[in-house]
């Protein structure tokens, strides 16, 4: 359903009918146009979308020549997917009117700022929190320091404010 607009809208609508709680639909980057899926989730009643889920990956054992995963393919996450995640967050931000939660490779306060500039209203730390369970608290402090040092009053002043090169 996460790769089909109609099914995404139907699922979101069915979930919306079953709850009045916050409904966030997680979006896969493994689609042709993530912004179409995001619009379908919004049309179905999602309160927000999160972008992105893992990127499809594969690894092969050189000795056995077999896939390292029993499932052959698996989800790639962490810093390696950050550029893909930021691009998808920005595409989704420009396509919907609901908040976007940025996910994918966040390890530093600078990463958080990049996601905010791309259009994320919130961020989620996943893989890197396994290496450092205190990362969220550390990034909160460093982000506050960044805002103070750069004369930025509120995080909202950064959301979607990426500036394009002029030709």
N, C-alpha and C. Protein backbone atom coordinates (compact mmCIF):
# COMPACT_ATOMS: atom_id res chain seq x y z
N UNK A 1 0.80 -1.20 0.00
CA UNK A 1 0.00 0.00 0.00
C UNK A 1 0.84 1.27 0.00
N UNK A 2 2.05 1.21 0.53
CA UNK A 2 2.89 2.40 0.63
C UNK A 2 3.50 2.84 -0.68
N UNK A 3 3.27 2.09 -1.74
CA UNK A 3 3.79 2.47 -3.05
C UNK A 3 2.67 2.78 -4.03
N UNK A 4 1.44 2.75 -3.54
CA UNK A 4 0.27 2.97 -4.39
C UNK A 4 -0.58 4.09 -3.78
N UNK A 5 -0.81 5.13 -4.56
CA UNK A 5 -1.55 6.29 -4.04
C UNK A 5 -2.95 5.93 -3.56
N UNK A 6 -3.68 5.20 -4.38
CA UNK A 6 -5.06 4.86 -4.04
C UNK A 6 -5.14 4.03 -2.76
N UNK A 7 -4.26 3.05 -2.67
CA UNK A 7 -4.26 2.19 -1.47
C UNK A 7 -3.82 2.98 -0.23
N UNK A 8 -2.87 3.89 -0.41
CA UNK A 8 -2.42 4.72 0.72
C UNK A 8 -3.56 5.59 1.21
N UNK A 9 -4.28 6.20 0.30
CA UNK A 9 -5.41 7.04 0.70
C UNK A 9 -6.49 6.22 1.38
N UNK A 10 -6.80 5.05 0.84
CA UNK A 10 -7.82 4.19 1.43
C UNK A 10 -7.42 3.73 2.83
N UNK A 11 -6.18 3.32 3.00
CA UNK A 11 -5.70 2.88 4.31
C UNK A 11 -5.74 4.03 5.31
N UNK A 12 -5.26 5.19 4.89
CA UNK A 12 -5.25 6.35 5.78
C UNK A 12 -6.67 6.72 6.19
N UNK A 13 -7.58 6.69 5.23
CA UNK A 13 -8.98 7.01 5.51
C UNK A 13 -9.59 6.00 6.49
N UNK A 14 -9.29 4.72 6.28
CA UNK A 14 -9.80 3.68 7.18
C UNK A 14 -9.25 3.87 8.60
N UNK A 15 -7.97 4.20 8.71
CA UNK A 15 -7.37 4.44 10.02
C UNK A 15 -7.97 5.69 10.67
N UNK A 16 -8.16 6.71 9.87
CA UNK A 16 -8.71 7.97 10.39
C UNK A 16 -10.10 7.73 10.98
N UNK A 17 -10.90 6.86 10.36
CA UNK A 17 -12.24 6.55 10.86
C UNK A 17 -12.20 5.82 12.19
N UNK A 18 -11.08 5.14 12.47
CA UNK A 18 -10.97 4.33 13.68
C UNK A 18 -10.35 5.08 14.86
N UNK A 19 -9.79 6.28 14.61
CA UNK A 19 -9.16 7.00 15.71
C UNK A 19 -9.22 8.51 15.50
N UNK A 20 -9.27 9.20 16.62
CA UNK A 20 -9.15 10.65 16.56
C UNK A 20 -7.77 11.08 17.07
N UNK A 21 -6.91 10.09 17.33
CA UNK A 21 -5.55 10.36 17.77
C UNK A 21 -4.69 10.80 16.58
N UNK A 22 -3.53 11.32 16.91
CA UNK A 22 -2.58 11.76 15.89
C UNK A 22 -2.27 10.62 14.92
N UNK A 23 -2.43 10.87 13.64
CA UNK A 23 -2.19 9.85 12.62
C UNK A 23 -1.05 10.31 11.71
N UNK A 24 0.05 9.59 11.81
CA UNK A 24 1.25 9.89 11.01
C UNK A 24 1.50 8.71 10.08
N UNK A 25 1.60 8.98 8.80
CA UNK A 25 1.88 7.93 7.83
C UNK A 25 3.35 8.01 7.43
N UNK A 26 4.05 6.87 7.55
CA UNK A 26 5.47 6.82 7.21
C UNK A 26 5.62 6.49 5.74
N UNK A 27 6.43 7.29 5.05
CA UNK A 27 6.57 7.18 3.60
C UNK A 27 7.86 6.45 3.21
N UNK A 28 7.75 5.63 2.19
CA UNK A 28 8.89 4.90 1.66
C UNK A 28 9.55 5.72 0.56
N UNK A 29 10.88 5.72 0.49
CA UNK A 29 11.56 6.38 -0.62
C UNK A 29 11.60 5.50 -1.87
N UNK A 30 11.18 4.25 -1.72
CA UNK A 30 11.27 3.29 -2.82
C UNK A 30 10.04 3.37 -3.73
N UNK A 31 9.76 4.59 -4.17
CA UNK A 31 8.61 4.85 -5.04
C UNK A 31 9.05 5.80 -6.15
N UNK A 32 8.20 5.92 -7.17
CA UNK A 32 8.54 6.81 -8.27
C UNK A 32 8.42 8.27 -7.85
N UNK A 33 7.30 8.63 -7.18
CA UNK A 33 7.10 10.01 -6.73
C UNK A 33 6.55 10.01 -5.31
N UNK A 34 7.42 10.23 -4.35
CA UNK A 34 7.02 10.22 -2.95
C UNK A 34 5.98 11.29 -2.65
N UNK A 35 6.04 12.40 -3.37
CA UNK A 35 5.09 13.47 -3.13
C UNK A 35 3.65 13.05 -3.47
N UNK A 36 3.49 12.16 -4.43
CA UNK A 36 2.14 11.66 -4.75
C UNK A 36 1.59 10.80 -3.60
N UNK A 37 2.45 9.98 -3.03
CA UNK A 37 2.03 9.14 -1.90
C UNK A 37 1.69 10.02 -0.70
N UNK A 38 2.50 11.06 -0.48
CA UNK A 38 2.25 12.00 0.63
C UNK A 38 0.91 12.71 0.46
N UNK A 39 0.61 13.12 -0.75
CA UNK A 39 -0.67 13.79 -1.02
C UNK A 39 -1.83 12.83 -0.79
N UNK A 40 -1.65 11.56 -1.12
CA UNK A 40 -2.70 10.57 -0.89
C UNK A 40 -2.93 10.38 0.60
N UNK A 41 -1.86 10.35 1.38
CA UNK A 41 -2.00 10.23 2.84
C UNK A 41 -2.71 11.45 3.41
N UNK A 42 -2.35 12.62 2.91
CA UNK A 42 -3.01 13.85 3.37
C UNK A 42 -4.49 13.83 3.00
N UNK A 43 -4.81 13.42 1.79
CA UNK A 43 -6.20 13.35 1.35
C UNK A 43 -7.00 12.35 2.18
N UNK A 44 -6.33 11.31 2.66
CA UNK A 44 -7.00 10.30 3.48
C UNK A 44 -7.20 10.71 4.92
N UNK A 45 -6.61 11.84 5.30
CA UNK A 45 -6.82 12.34 6.66
C UNK A 45 -5.63 12.28 7.60
N UNK A 46 -4.43 12.02 7.07
CA UNK A 46 -3.25 11.99 7.93
C UNK A 46 -3.01 13.38 8.53
N UNK A 47 -2.56 13.38 9.77
CA UNK A 47 -2.21 14.64 10.44
C UNK A 47 -0.81 15.07 10.07
N UNK A 48 0.04 14.12 9.73
CA UNK A 48 1.43 14.38 9.36
C UNK A 48 1.95 13.18 8.59
N UNK A 49 3.09 13.37 7.94
CA UNK A 49 3.78 12.26 7.29
C UNK A 49 5.23 12.26 7.78
N UNK A 50 5.83 11.09 7.79
CA UNK A 50 7.25 11.01 8.12
C UNK A 50 7.98 10.49 6.88
N UNK A 51 9.14 11.08 6.65
CA UNK A 51 9.92 10.73 5.46
C UNK A 51 11.39 10.69 5.86
N UNK A 52 12.04 9.61 5.74
CA UNK A 52 11.68 8.45 4.94
C UNK A 52 11.86 7.17 5.74
N UNK A 53 11.36 6.10 5.18
CA UNK A 53 11.66 4.78 5.70
C UNK A 53 12.99 4.36 5.10
N UNK A 54 13.42 3.15 5.32
CA UNK A 54 14.71 2.71 4.83
C UNK A 54 14.76 2.63 3.30
N UNK A 55 15.97 2.69 2.79
CA UNK A 55 16.23 2.53 1.36
C UNK A 55 16.58 1.07 1.13
N UNK A 56 16.09 0.50 0.06
CA UNK A 56 16.35 -0.90 -0.25
C UNK A 56 17.84 -1.12 -0.51
N UNK A 57 18.40 -2.11 0.14
CA UNK A 57 19.82 -2.42 -0.03
C UNK A 57 20.09 -3.91 -0.04
N UNK A 58 21.32 -4.25 -0.40
CA UNK A 58 21.72 -5.65 -0.46
C UNK A 58 23.22 -5.73 -0.22
N UNK A 59 23.67 -6.80 0.41
CA UNK A 59 25.09 -7.08 0.59
C UNK A 59 25.33 -8.56 0.28
N UNK A 60 26.51 -8.85 -0.27
CA UNK A 60 26.83 -10.22 -0.67
C UNK A 60 28.10 -10.67 0.04
N UNK A 61 28.06 -11.87 0.60
CA UNK A 61 29.24 -12.49 1.22
C UNK A 61 30.16 -12.95 0.09
N UNK A 62 31.37 -12.43 0.07
CA UNK A 62 32.29 -12.74 -1.03
C UNK A 62 32.77 -14.19 -1.02
N UNK A 63 32.81 -14.81 0.15
CA UNK A 63 33.27 -16.21 0.21
C UNK A 63 32.19 -17.18 -0.25
N UNK A 64 30.96 -16.97 0.22
CA UNK A 64 29.88 -17.89 -0.14
C UNK A 64 29.14 -17.46 -1.40
N UNK A 65 29.32 -16.19 -1.78
CA UNK A 65 28.62 -15.59 -2.93
C UNK A 65 27.10 -15.57 -2.73
N UNK A 66 26.70 -15.59 -1.47
CA UNK A 66 25.28 -15.55 -1.13
C UNK A 66 24.96 -14.21 -0.48
N UNK A 67 23.70 -13.81 -0.59
CA UNK A 67 23.31 -12.58 0.11
C UNK A 67 23.57 -12.71 1.60
N UNK A 68 24.00 -11.63 2.23
CA UNK A 68 24.26 -11.66 3.67
C UNK A 68 22.97 -11.72 4.48
N UNK A 69 21.87 -11.31 3.89
CA UNK A 69 20.57 -11.38 4.57
C UNK A 69 19.77 -12.56 4.02
N UNK A 70 19.07 -13.25 4.91
CA UNK A 70 18.21 -14.35 4.47
C UNK A 70 17.11 -13.87 3.53
N UNK A 71 16.73 -12.63 3.67
CA UNK A 71 15.67 -12.08 2.83
C UNK A 71 16.23 -11.50 1.53
N UNK A 72 17.50 -11.62 1.28
CA UNK A 72 18.24 -11.08 0.14
C UNK A 72 18.37 -9.57 0.22
N UNK A 73 17.25 -8.87 0.29
CA UNK A 73 17.26 -7.41 0.36
C UNK A 73 16.86 -6.97 1.76
N UNK A 74 17.32 -5.80 2.15
CA UNK A 74 16.96 -5.28 3.46
C UNK A 74 16.96 -3.76 3.45
N UNK A 75 16.64 -3.19 4.59
CA UNK A 75 16.56 -1.75 4.71
C UNK A 75 17.88 -1.13 5.11
N UNK A 76 18.36 -0.21 4.30
CA UNK A 76 19.56 0.56 4.60
C UNK A 76 19.13 1.81 5.34
N UNK A 77 19.79 2.09 6.47
CA UNK A 77 19.46 3.27 7.26
C UNK A 77 20.74 3.93 7.73
N UNK A 78 20.59 5.01 8.49
CA UNK A 78 21.74 5.70 9.05
C UNK A 78 22.28 6.77 8.13
N UNK A 79 23.48 7.27 8.44
CA UNK A 79 24.05 8.41 7.71
C UNK A 79 24.12 8.23 6.20
N UNK A 80 24.23 7.00 5.73
CA UNK A 80 24.34 6.76 4.28
C UNK A 80 23.12 7.26 3.51
N UNK A 81 21.96 7.32 4.16
CA UNK A 81 20.75 7.70 3.42
C UNK A 81 20.37 9.16 3.62
N UNK A 82 21.16 9.91 4.38
CA UNK A 82 20.79 11.30 4.70
C UNK A 82 20.49 12.15 3.45
N UNK A 83 21.34 12.16 2.42
CA UNK A 83 21.02 12.99 1.25
C UNK A 83 19.71 12.59 0.56
N UNK A 84 19.44 11.29 0.53
CA UNK A 84 18.19 10.79 -0.05
C UNK A 84 17.01 11.26 0.81
N UNK A 85 17.18 11.17 2.12
CA UNK A 85 16.12 11.58 3.04
C UNK A 85 15.83 13.07 2.93
N UNK A 86 16.86 13.89 2.89
CA UNK A 86 16.66 15.34 2.80
C UNK A 86 15.95 15.70 1.50
N UNK A 87 16.35 15.09 0.40
CA UNK A 87 15.68 15.36 -0.88
C UNK A 87 14.20 14.98 -0.82
N UNK A 88 13.91 13.84 -0.23
CA UNK A 88 12.52 13.40 -0.15
C UNK A 88 11.71 14.26 0.81
N UNK A 89 12.29 14.68 1.92
CA UNK A 89 11.60 15.59 2.83
C UNK A 89 11.23 16.87 2.09
N UNK A 90 12.15 17.40 1.32
CA UNK A 90 11.88 18.65 0.61
C UNK A 90 10.78 18.47 -0.44
N UNK A 91 10.83 17.38 -1.18
CA UNK A 91 9.77 17.10 -2.16
C UNK A 91 8.40 17.03 -1.48
N UNK A 92 8.34 16.32 -0.37
CA UNK A 92 7.08 16.15 0.35
C UNK A 92 6.61 17.49 0.93
N UNK A 93 7.53 18.24 1.53
CA UNK A 93 7.20 19.55 2.10
C UNK A 93 6.53 20.46 1.07
N UNK A 94 7.05 20.44 -0.16
CA UNK A 94 6.50 21.30 -1.21
C UNK A 94 5.15 20.79 -1.74
N UNK A 95 4.81 19.53 -1.42
CA UNK A 95 3.61 18.91 -2.00
C UNK A 95 2.41 18.87 -1.06
N UNK A 96 2.63 18.99 0.26
CA UNK A 96 1.52 18.84 1.21
C UNK A 96 1.43 20.04 2.14
N UNK A 97 0.31 20.11 2.84
CA UNK A 97 0.07 21.19 3.80
C UNK A 97 0.04 20.70 5.24
N UNK A 98 0.50 19.48 5.45
CA UNK A 98 0.59 18.91 6.80
C UNK A 98 2.06 18.81 7.18
N UNK A 99 2.36 18.71 8.47
CA UNK A 99 3.76 18.61 8.89
C UNK A 99 4.47 17.38 8.34
N UNK A 100 5.77 17.57 8.11
CA UNK A 100 6.64 16.49 7.65
C UNK A 100 7.66 16.21 8.76
N UNK A 101 7.81 14.95 9.11
CA UNK A 101 8.81 14.54 10.08
C UNK A 101 9.98 13.96 9.30
N UNK A 102 11.16 14.54 9.47
CA UNK A 102 12.34 14.11 8.75
C UNK A 102 13.06 12.98 9.46
N UNK A 103 13.39 11.94 8.69
CA UNK A 103 14.06 10.76 9.23
C UNK A 103 15.12 10.31 8.23
N UNK A 104 16.30 9.99 8.75
CA UNK A 104 17.31 9.39 7.87
C UNK A 104 18.69 9.95 8.06
N UNK A 105 19.48 9.33 8.91
CA UNK A 105 20.89 9.69 9.03
C UNK A 105 21.19 10.87 9.92
N UNK A 106 20.30 11.22 10.81
CA UNK A 106 20.52 12.37 11.68
C UNK A 106 21.49 11.97 12.80
N UNK A 107 22.64 12.68 12.84
CA UNK A 107 23.66 12.39 13.83
C UNK A 107 24.18 13.65 14.52
N UNK A 108 23.96 14.83 13.91
CA UNK A 108 24.49 16.08 14.45
C UNK A 108 23.42 17.16 14.43
N UNK A 109 23.68 18.25 15.14
CA UNK A 109 22.76 19.39 15.11
C UNK A 109 22.70 19.97 13.71
N UNK A 110 23.80 19.93 12.99
CA UNK A 110 23.82 20.42 11.61
C UNK A 110 22.88 19.60 10.73
N UNK A 111 22.83 18.29 10.98
CA UNK A 111 21.89 17.43 10.24
C UNK A 111 20.45 17.86 10.52
N UNK A 112 20.16 18.15 11.78
CA UNK A 112 18.81 18.59 12.15
C UNK A 112 18.46 19.87 11.40
N UNK A 113 19.39 20.81 11.37
CA UNK A 113 19.14 22.09 10.68
C UNK A 113 18.90 21.85 9.19
N UNK A 114 19.66 20.95 8.58
CA UNK A 114 19.43 20.63 7.16
C UNK A 114 18.02 20.12 6.93
N UNK A 115 17.57 19.22 7.78
CA UNK A 115 16.22 18.68 7.64
C UNK A 115 15.17 19.78 7.82
N UNK A 116 15.39 20.67 8.79
CA UNK A 116 14.46 21.78 9.00
C UNK A 116 14.42 22.67 7.77
N UNK A 117 15.58 23.03 7.24
CA UNK A 117 15.62 23.88 6.05
C UNK A 117 14.92 23.22 4.87
N UNK A 118 15.02 21.89 4.79
CA UNK A 118 14.36 21.15 3.70
C UNK A 118 12.85 21.11 3.86
N UNK A 119 12.36 21.38 5.09
CA UNK A 119 10.91 21.41 5.31
C UNK A 119 10.39 20.56 6.44
N UNK A 120 11.26 19.87 7.16
CA UNK A 120 10.80 19.06 8.29
C UNK A 120 10.38 19.96 9.45
N UNK A 121 9.24 19.64 10.04
CA UNK A 121 8.79 20.34 11.25
C UNK A 121 9.36 19.69 12.50
N UNK A 122 9.65 18.41 12.39
CA UNK A 122 10.23 17.60 13.46
C UNK A 122 11.23 16.66 12.83
N UNK A 123 12.10 16.07 13.66
CA UNK A 123 12.99 15.03 13.17
C UNK A 123 12.92 13.84 14.09
N UNK A 124 13.32 12.70 13.57
CA UNK A 124 13.39 11.47 14.35
C UNK A 124 14.80 10.92 14.24
N UNK A 125 15.34 10.53 15.36
CA UNK A 125 16.66 9.90 15.36
C UNK A 125 16.44 8.41 15.52
N UNK A 126 17.00 7.64 14.61
CA UNK A 126 16.83 6.20 14.66
C UNK A 126 18.14 5.48 14.89
N UNK A 127 18.80 5.10 13.82
CA UNK A 127 20.00 4.28 13.87
C UNK A 127 21.07 4.83 14.81
N UNK A 128 21.30 6.11 14.77
CA UNK A 128 22.38 6.69 15.57
C UNK A 128 22.09 6.64 17.07
N UNK A 129 20.83 6.50 17.45
CA UNK A 129 20.51 6.41 18.87
C UNK A 129 20.95 5.06 19.46
N UNK A 130 21.20 4.07 18.60
CA UNK A 130 21.74 2.80 19.08
C UNK A 130 23.19 2.99 19.52
N UNK A 131 23.93 3.83 18.80
CA UNK A 131 25.32 4.11 19.17
C UNK A 131 25.40 5.05 20.36
N UNK A 132 24.43 5.98 20.45
CA UNK A 132 24.44 6.98 21.52
C UNK A 132 23.02 7.22 21.99
N UNK A 133 22.58 6.51 23.02
CA UNK A 133 21.21 6.67 23.51
C UNK A 133 20.88 8.09 23.99
N UNK A 134 21.89 8.89 24.31
CA UNK A 134 21.68 10.27 24.76
C UNK A 134 21.71 11.28 23.63
N UNK A 135 21.77 10.81 22.38
CA UNK A 135 21.93 11.71 21.25
C UNK A 135 20.82 12.75 21.16
N UNK A 136 19.59 12.37 21.42
CA UNK A 136 18.48 13.32 21.34
C UNK A 136 18.67 14.51 22.26
N UNK A 137 19.02 14.24 23.50
CA UNK A 137 19.24 15.31 24.48
C UNK A 137 20.43 16.17 24.07
N UNK A 138 21.50 15.53 23.57
CA UNK A 138 22.68 16.28 23.14
C UNK A 138 22.36 17.19 21.96
N UNK A 139 21.61 16.67 21.01
CA UNK A 139 21.26 17.47 19.83
C UNK A 139 20.34 18.62 20.20
N UNK A 140 19.45 18.42 21.16
CA UNK A 140 18.58 19.50 21.61
C UNK A 140 19.42 20.66 22.14
N UNK A 141 20.41 20.34 22.95
CA UNK A 141 21.29 21.37 23.50
C UNK A 141 22.10 22.06 22.40
N UNK A 142 22.66 21.28 21.49
CA UNK A 142 23.47 21.85 20.41
C UNK A 142 22.62 22.66 19.44
N UNK A 143 21.39 22.24 19.21
CA UNK A 143 20.49 23.00 18.35
C UNK A 143 20.15 24.34 18.99
N UNK A 144 19.90 24.35 20.28
CA UNK A 144 19.64 25.60 21.00
C UNK A 144 20.84 26.53 20.88
N UNK A 145 22.02 25.99 21.03
CA UNK A 145 23.25 26.78 20.88
C UNK A 145 23.36 27.34 19.47
N UNK A 146 23.07 26.53 18.46
CA UNK A 146 23.10 26.97 17.06
C UNK A 146 22.15 28.14 16.84
N UNK A 147 20.93 28.00 17.36
CA UNK A 147 19.94 29.07 17.21
C UNK A 147 20.44 30.36 17.84
N UNK A 148 20.97 30.28 19.06
CA UNK A 148 21.48 31.47 19.75
C UNK A 148 22.64 32.11 18.99
N UNK A 149 23.58 31.29 18.54
CA UNK A 149 24.76 31.80 17.84
C UNK A 149 24.42 32.46 16.51
N UNK A 150 23.31 32.04 15.92
CA UNK A 150 22.93 32.56 14.59
C UNK A 150 21.76 33.54 14.64
N UNK A 151 21.38 33.97 15.84
CA UNK A 151 20.33 34.97 15.98
C UNK A 151 18.97 34.50 15.48
N UNK A 152 18.71 33.22 15.62
CA UNK A 152 17.43 32.66 15.17
C UNK A 152 16.54 32.50 16.39
N UNK A 153 15.35 33.12 16.34
CA UNK A 153 14.45 33.13 17.49
C UNK A 153 13.74 31.82 17.74
N UNK A 154 13.39 31.12 16.68
CA UNK A 154 12.59 29.90 16.84
C UNK A 154 12.90 28.93 15.71
N UNK A 155 12.74 27.65 16.00
CA UNK A 155 12.95 26.62 14.99
C UNK A 155 12.05 26.87 13.78
N UNK A 156 10.85 27.37 14.02
CA UNK A 156 9.90 27.63 12.93
C UNK A 156 10.49 28.57 11.88
N UNK A 157 11.46 29.40 12.29
CA UNK A 157 12.10 30.32 11.35
C UNK A 157 13.01 29.61 10.35
N UNK A 158 13.27 28.33 10.56
CA UNK A 158 14.12 27.55 9.65
C UNK A 158 13.33 26.63 8.73
N UNK A 159 12.13 26.25 9.13
CA UNK A 159 11.38 25.21 8.41
C UNK A 159 11.08 25.63 6.97
N UNK A 160 11.62 24.85 6.04
CA UNK A 160 11.38 25.08 4.62
C UNK A 160 12.08 26.29 4.04
N UNK A 161 13.07 26.80 4.72
CA UNK A 161 13.72 28.05 4.29
C UNK A 161 14.99 27.82 3.47
N UNK A 162 15.12 26.67 2.84
CA UNK A 162 16.26 26.45 1.96
C UNK A 162 16.22 27.52 0.87
N UNK A 163 17.38 28.07 0.55
CA UNK A 163 17.46 29.10 -0.49
C UNK A 163 18.12 28.50 -1.71
N UNK A 164 17.50 28.74 -2.86
CA UNK A 164 18.00 28.18 -4.10
C UNK A 164 19.04 29.10 -4.74
N UNK A 165 19.92 28.50 -5.52
CA UNK A 165 20.91 29.29 -6.26
C UNK A 165 20.18 30.07 -7.35
N UNK A 166 20.60 31.30 -7.56
CA UNK A 166 20.02 32.07 -8.66
C UNK A 166 20.87 31.85 -9.90
N UNK A 167 20.22 31.76 -11.04
CA UNK A 167 20.94 31.48 -12.30
C UNK A 167 21.31 32.75 -12.99
